[in-house]
C-alpha atoms as a PDB file:
ATOM      1  CA  MET A   1       0.052  -0.091  -0.038  1.00  0.00           C
ATOM      2  CA  LYS A   2       2.962   2.434   0.712  1.00  0.00           C
ATOM      3  CA  ALA A   3       3.744   2.071  -3.207  1.00  0.00           C
ATOM      4  CA  PHE A   4       0.398   3.684  -4.012  1.00  0.00           C
ATOM      5  CA  PRO A   5       1.082   7.450  -3.007  1.00  0.00           C
ATOM      6  CA  VAL A   6       4.543   7.183  -4.974  1.00  0.00           C
ATOM      7  CA  LEU A   7       2.634   5.739  -7.961  1.00  0.00           C
ATOM      8  CA  ILE A   8       0.132   8.529  -7.858  1.00  0.00           C
ATOM      9  CA  ALA A   9       2.903  11.166  -7.667  1.00  0.00           C
ATOM     10  CA  LEU A  10       4.848   9.510 -10.466  1.00  0.00           C
ATOM     11  CA  CYS A  11       1.706   9.615 -12.619  1.00  0.00           C
ATOM     12  CA  CYS A  12       1.040  13.326 -11.846  1.00  0.00           C
ATOM     13  CA  LEU A  13       4.550  14.276 -12.619  1.00  0.00           C
ATOM     14  CA  PHE A  14       4.336  12.393 -15.920  1.00  0.00           C
ATOM     15  CA  PHE A  15       1.248  14.009 -16.878  1.00  0.00           C
ATOM     16  CA  ALA A  16       2.455  17.313 -15.921  1.00  0.00           C
ATOM     17  CA  GLY A  17       5.336  16.746 -18.332  1.00  0.00           C
ATOM     18  CA  CYS A  18       3.236  15.852 -21.199  1.00  0.00           C
ATOM     19  CA  ALA A  19       1.052  18.991 -20.667  1.00  0.00           C
ATOM     20  CA  ALA A  20       4.153  20.891 -20.771  1.00  0.00           C
ATOM     21  CA  THR A  21       5.409  19.165 -23.807  1.00  0.00           C
ATOM     22  CA  SER A  22       1.859  19.836 -25.567  1.00  0.00           C
ATOM     23  CA  ILE A  23       1.888  23.568 -24.696  1.00  0.00           C
ATOM     24  CA  ASP A  24       5.509  23.989 -25.752  1.00  0.00           C
ATOM     25  CA  SER A  25       4.486  22.314 -29.135  1.00  0.00           C
ATOM     26  CA  LYS A  26       1.539  24.559 -29.625  1.00  0.00           C
ATOM     27  CA  ILE A  27       3.837  27.530 -28.843  1.00  0.00           C
ATOM     28  CA  LYS A  28       6.019  26.407 -31.701  1.00  0.00           C
ATOM     29  CA  GLN A  29       3.295  26.137 -34.052  1.00  0.00           C
ATOM     30  CA  TYR A  30       2.036  29.464 -33.063  1.00  0.00           C
ATOM     31  CA  GLY A  31       5.347  30.915 -34.245  1.00  0.00           C
ATOM     32  CA  LYS A  32       4.891  29.382 -37.424  1.00  0.00           C
ATOM     33  CA  LEU A  33       1.162  30.376 -38.002  1.00  0.00           C
ATOM     34  CA  ALA A  34       1.333  33.880 -36.580  1.00  0.00           C
ATOM     35  CA  PRO A  35       2.927  35.522 -39.590  1.00  0.00           C
ATOM     36  CA  ARG A  36      -0.049  34.236 -41.816  1.00  0.00           C
ATOM     37  CA  ILE A  37      -2.268  36.454 -39.848  1.00  0.00           C
ATOM     38  CA  SER A  38      -2.547  40.541 -40.317  1.00  0.00           C
ATOM     39  CA  LEU A  39      -4.580  43.384 -39.148  1.00  0.00           C
ATOM     40  CA  GLY A  40      -7.783  43.530 -41.413  1.00  0.00           C
ATOM     41  CA  ASP A  41      -8.096  39.854 -41.856  1.00  0.00           C
ATOM     42  CA  SER A  42     -11.331  38.292 -41.056  1.00  0.00           C
ATOM     43  CA  LYS A  43     -12.304  36.380 -38.015  1.00  0.00           C
ATOM     44  CA  ALA A  44     -12.982  33.158 -40.293  1.00  0.00           C
ATOM     45  CA  LYS A  45      -9.410  33.278 -41.498  1.00  0.00           C
ATOM     46  CA  PHE A  46      -8.051  33.586 -38.135  1.00  0.00           C
ATOM     47  CA  LEU A  47     -10.097  30.792 -36.631  1.00  0.00           C
ATOM     48  CA  GLU A  48      -8.999  28.574 -39.710  1.00  0.00           C
ATOM     49  CA  VAL A  49      -5.242  29.376 -39.395  1.00  0.00           C
ATOM     50  CA  PHE A  50      -4.923  28.881 -35.612  1.00  0.00           C
ATOM     51  CA  ALA A  51      -7.446  25.922 -35.599  1.00  0.00           C
ATOM     52  CA  PRO A  52      -4.661  23.566 -34.569  1.00  0.00           C
ATOM     53  CA  LEU A  53      -3.961  25.734 -31.466  1.00  0.00           C
ATOM     54  CA  PHE A  54      -7.501  25.421 -30.042  1.00  0.00           C
ATOM     55  CA  ASP A  55      -7.112  21.803 -28.923  1.00  0.00           C
ATOM     56  CA  LEU A  56      -5.289  22.401 -25.832  1.00  0.00           C
ATOM     57  CA  PRO A  57      -7.058  21.449 -22.437  1.00  0.00           C
ATOM     58  CA  GLN A  58      -9.147  24.324 -21.173  1.00  0.00           C
ATOM     59  CA  MET A  59      -7.047  24.764 -18.257  1.00  0.00           C
ATOM     60  CA  TYR A  60      -4.368  25.644 -20.389  1.00  0.00           C
ATOM     61  CA  GLN A  61      -6.326  28.419 -22.558  1.00  0.00           C
ATOM     62  CA  LYS A  62      -8.070  31.686 -21.879  1.00  0.00           C
ATOM     63  CA  PRO A  63     -11.563  32.302 -22.784  1.00  0.00           C
ATOM     64  CA  THR A  64     -12.642  34.627 -25.345  1.00  0.00           C
ATOM     65  CA  ASP A  65     -13.823  38.071 -24.261  1.00  0.00           C
ATOM     66  CA  GLN A  66     -16.807  39.831 -26.000  1.00  0.00           C
ATOM     67  CA  TYR A  67     -18.522  43.133 -25.527  1.00  0.00           C
ATOM     68  CA  MET A  68     -20.396  45.887 -27.533  1.00  0.00           C
ATOM     69  CA  GLN A  69     -18.653  49.187 -27.988  1.00  0.00           C
ATOM     70  CA  ASP A  70     -20.402  51.964 -30.068  1.00  0.00           C
ATOM     71  CA  GLY A  71     -22.790  49.572 -31.641  1.00  0.00           C
ATOM     72  CA  LYS A  72     -19.931  47.435 -32.739  1.00  0.00           C
ATOM     73  CA  THR A  73     -19.186  43.641 -31.613  1.00  0.00           C
ATOM     74  CA  VAL A  74     -15.710  43.250 -30.049  1.00  0.00           C
ATOM     75  CA  ALA A  75     -14.306  39.912 -29.562  1.00  0.00           C
ATOM     76  CA  ILE A  76     -10.902  39.114 -28.150  1.00  0.00           C
ATOM     77  CA  TYR A  77      -9.434  35.778 -28.730  1.00  0.00           C
ATOM     78  CA  TYR A  78      -6.379  34.787 -26.719  1.00  0.00           C
ATOM     79  CA  ILE A  79      -3.698  32.498 -28.309  1.00  0.00           C
ATOM     80  CA  ARG A  80      -1.054  30.590 -26.338  1.00  0.00           C
ATOM     81  CA  SER A  81       2.222  32.122 -27.252  1.00  0.00           C
ATOM     82  CA  ASN A  82       4.392  31.403 -24.307  1.00  0.00           C
ATOM     83  CA  ARG A  83       4.984  29.331 -21.087  1.00  0.00           C
ATOM     84  CA  ILE A  84       6.521  30.419 -17.882  1.00  0.00           C
ATOM     85  CA  SER A  85       7.398  27.353 -15.715  1.00  0.00           C
ATOM     86  CA  ASP A  86       5.830  28.577 -12.604  1.00  0.00           C
ATOM     87  CA  TYR A  87       2.533  26.478 -12.450  1.00  0.00           C
ATOM     88  CA  LEU A  88       0.375  29.362 -13.182  1.00  0.00           C
ATOM     89  CA  THR A  89      -1.727  30.208 -16.320  1.00  0.00           C
ATOM     90  CA  THR A  90      -1.206  34.018 -16.754  1.00  0.00           C
ATOM     91  CA  ASP A  91      -2.081  36.737 -19.201  1.00  0.00           C
ATOM     92  CA  ASP A  92       1.383  37.388 -20.411  1.00  0.00           C
ATOM     93  CA  GLU A  93       1.609  33.485 -21.802  1.00  0.00           C
ATOM     94  CA  PHE A  94      -0.887  34.580 -24.514  1.00  0.00           C
ATOM     95  CA  THR A  95      -1.280  37.041 -27.302  1.00  0.00           C
ATOM     96  CA  PRO A  96      -4.598  38.722 -27.766  1.00  0.00           C
ATOM     97  CA  TYR A  97      -6.183  39.150 -31.088  1.00  0.00           C
ATOM     98  CA  ILE A  98      -8.988  41.787 -31.202  1.00  0.00           C
ATOM     99  CA  PHE A  99     -11.734  41.708 -33.618  1.00  0.00           C
ATOM    100  CA  THR A 100     -14.261  44.592 -34.363  1.00  0.00           C
ATOM    101  CA  ASP A 101     -17.277  43.319 -36.269  1.00  0.00           C
ATOM    102  CA  SER A 102     -15.398  40.276 -37.319  1.00  0.00           C
ATOM    103  CA  VAL A 103     -12.318  42.148 -38.694  1.00  0.00           C
ATOM    104  CA  LEU A 104      -8.892  41.928 -36.844  1.00  0.00           C
ATOM    105  CA  THR A 105      -8.239  45.537 -35.628  1.00  0.00           C
ATOM    106  CA  GLY A 106      -5.582  44.727 -32.975  1.00  0.00           C
ATOM    107  CA  ILE A 107      -2.733  42.166 -31.952  1.00  0.00           C
ATOM    108  CA  GLY A 108      -1.016  42.440 -28.710  1.00  0.00           C
ATOM    109  CA  TRP A 109      -1.450  43.412 -25.017  1.00  0.00           C
ATOM    110  CA  ALA A 110      -0.168  47.219 -25.919  1.00  0.00           C
ATOM    111  CA  VAL A 111      -3.873  47.573 -27.490  1.00  0.00           C
ATOM    112  CA  LEU A 112      -5.526  46.386 -24.310  1.00  0.00           C
ATOM    113  CA  GLY A 113      -3.198  48.326 -21.780  1.00  0.00           C
ATOM    114  CA  GLY A 114      -1.174  45.477 -20.921  1.00  0.00           C
ATOM    115  CA  PRO A 115      -1.781  41.995 -19.272  1.00  0.00           C
ATOM    116  CA  LYS A 116      -3.571  41.952 -15.924  1.00  0.00           C
ATOM    117  CA  SER A 117      -1.545  39.124 -14.699  1.00  0.00           C
ATOM    118  CA  ARG A 118       2.135  37.877 -14.998  1.00  0.00           C
ATOM    119  CA  GLY A 119       4.056  34.793 -14.654  1.00  0.00           C
ATOM    120  CA  GLN A 120       6.672  34.672 -11.606  1.00  0.00           C
ATOM    121  CA  SER A 121      10.039  33.162 -11.555  1.00  0.00           C
ATOM    122  CA  PRO A 122      10.296  29.712  -9.958  1.00  0.00           C
ATOM    123  CA  THR A 123      12.086  31.506  -7.153  1.00  0.00           C
ATOM    124  CA  ALA A 124       9.387  33.810  -6.535  1.00  0.00           C
ATOM    125  CA  THR A 125       6.675  31.017  -6.291  1.00  0.00           C
ATOM    126  CA  GLY A 126       8.854  28.870  -3.859  1.00  0.00           C
ATOM    127  CA  VAL A 127       9.173  26.195  -6.403  1.00  0.00           C
ATOM    128  CA  ASN A 128      12.500  25.268  -7.840  1.00  0.00           C
ATOM    129  CA  ILE A 129      13.063  22.789 -10.702  1.00  0.00           C
ATOM    130  CA  ASN A 130      16.281  20.987 -10.684  1.00  0.00           C
ATOM    131  CA  ASN A 131      17.167  18.089 -12.868  1.00  0.00           C
ATOM    132  CA  SER A 132      13.429  17.308 -13.273  1.00  0.00           C
ATOM    133  CA  THR A 133      12.981  17.103  -9.540  1.00  0.00           C
ATOM    134  CA  THR A 134      10.404  19.577  -7.941  1.00  0.00           C
ATOM    135  CA  VAL A 135      11.463  20.926  -4.613  1.00  0.00           C
ATOM    136  CA  ILE A 136       8.982  22.930  -2.670  1.00  0.00           C
ATOM    137  CA  HIS A 137      10.414  25.459   0.101  1.00  0.00           C
END
């Protein structure tokens, strides 16, 4: 029975590693796909180009924001473009794409006034990663 908690811990570490690899793979894809998108593009083109990036588990994504401004529909899609190894999912790990009436009118946090949350260095969170071993202080 003592082996059971160890087995659970090993499974958690394995799946956490798989998730990080999946996120890193999507970030690399993003780097290749992003140049295909420009201001003035349609939301339909954006969704088609970035379709392979939307299959990450929900916990690693940021939901779309939508609102009305001056009678126009504004939608903000967030694409995973970075990963900070701090076990947090923060705004600075995404690039926002802003659509006004389904036309891309802005890209990046500068348009929105900056990210609301930022990742932390591993020492700031009290978690250090050394040789694939997690040490919590």
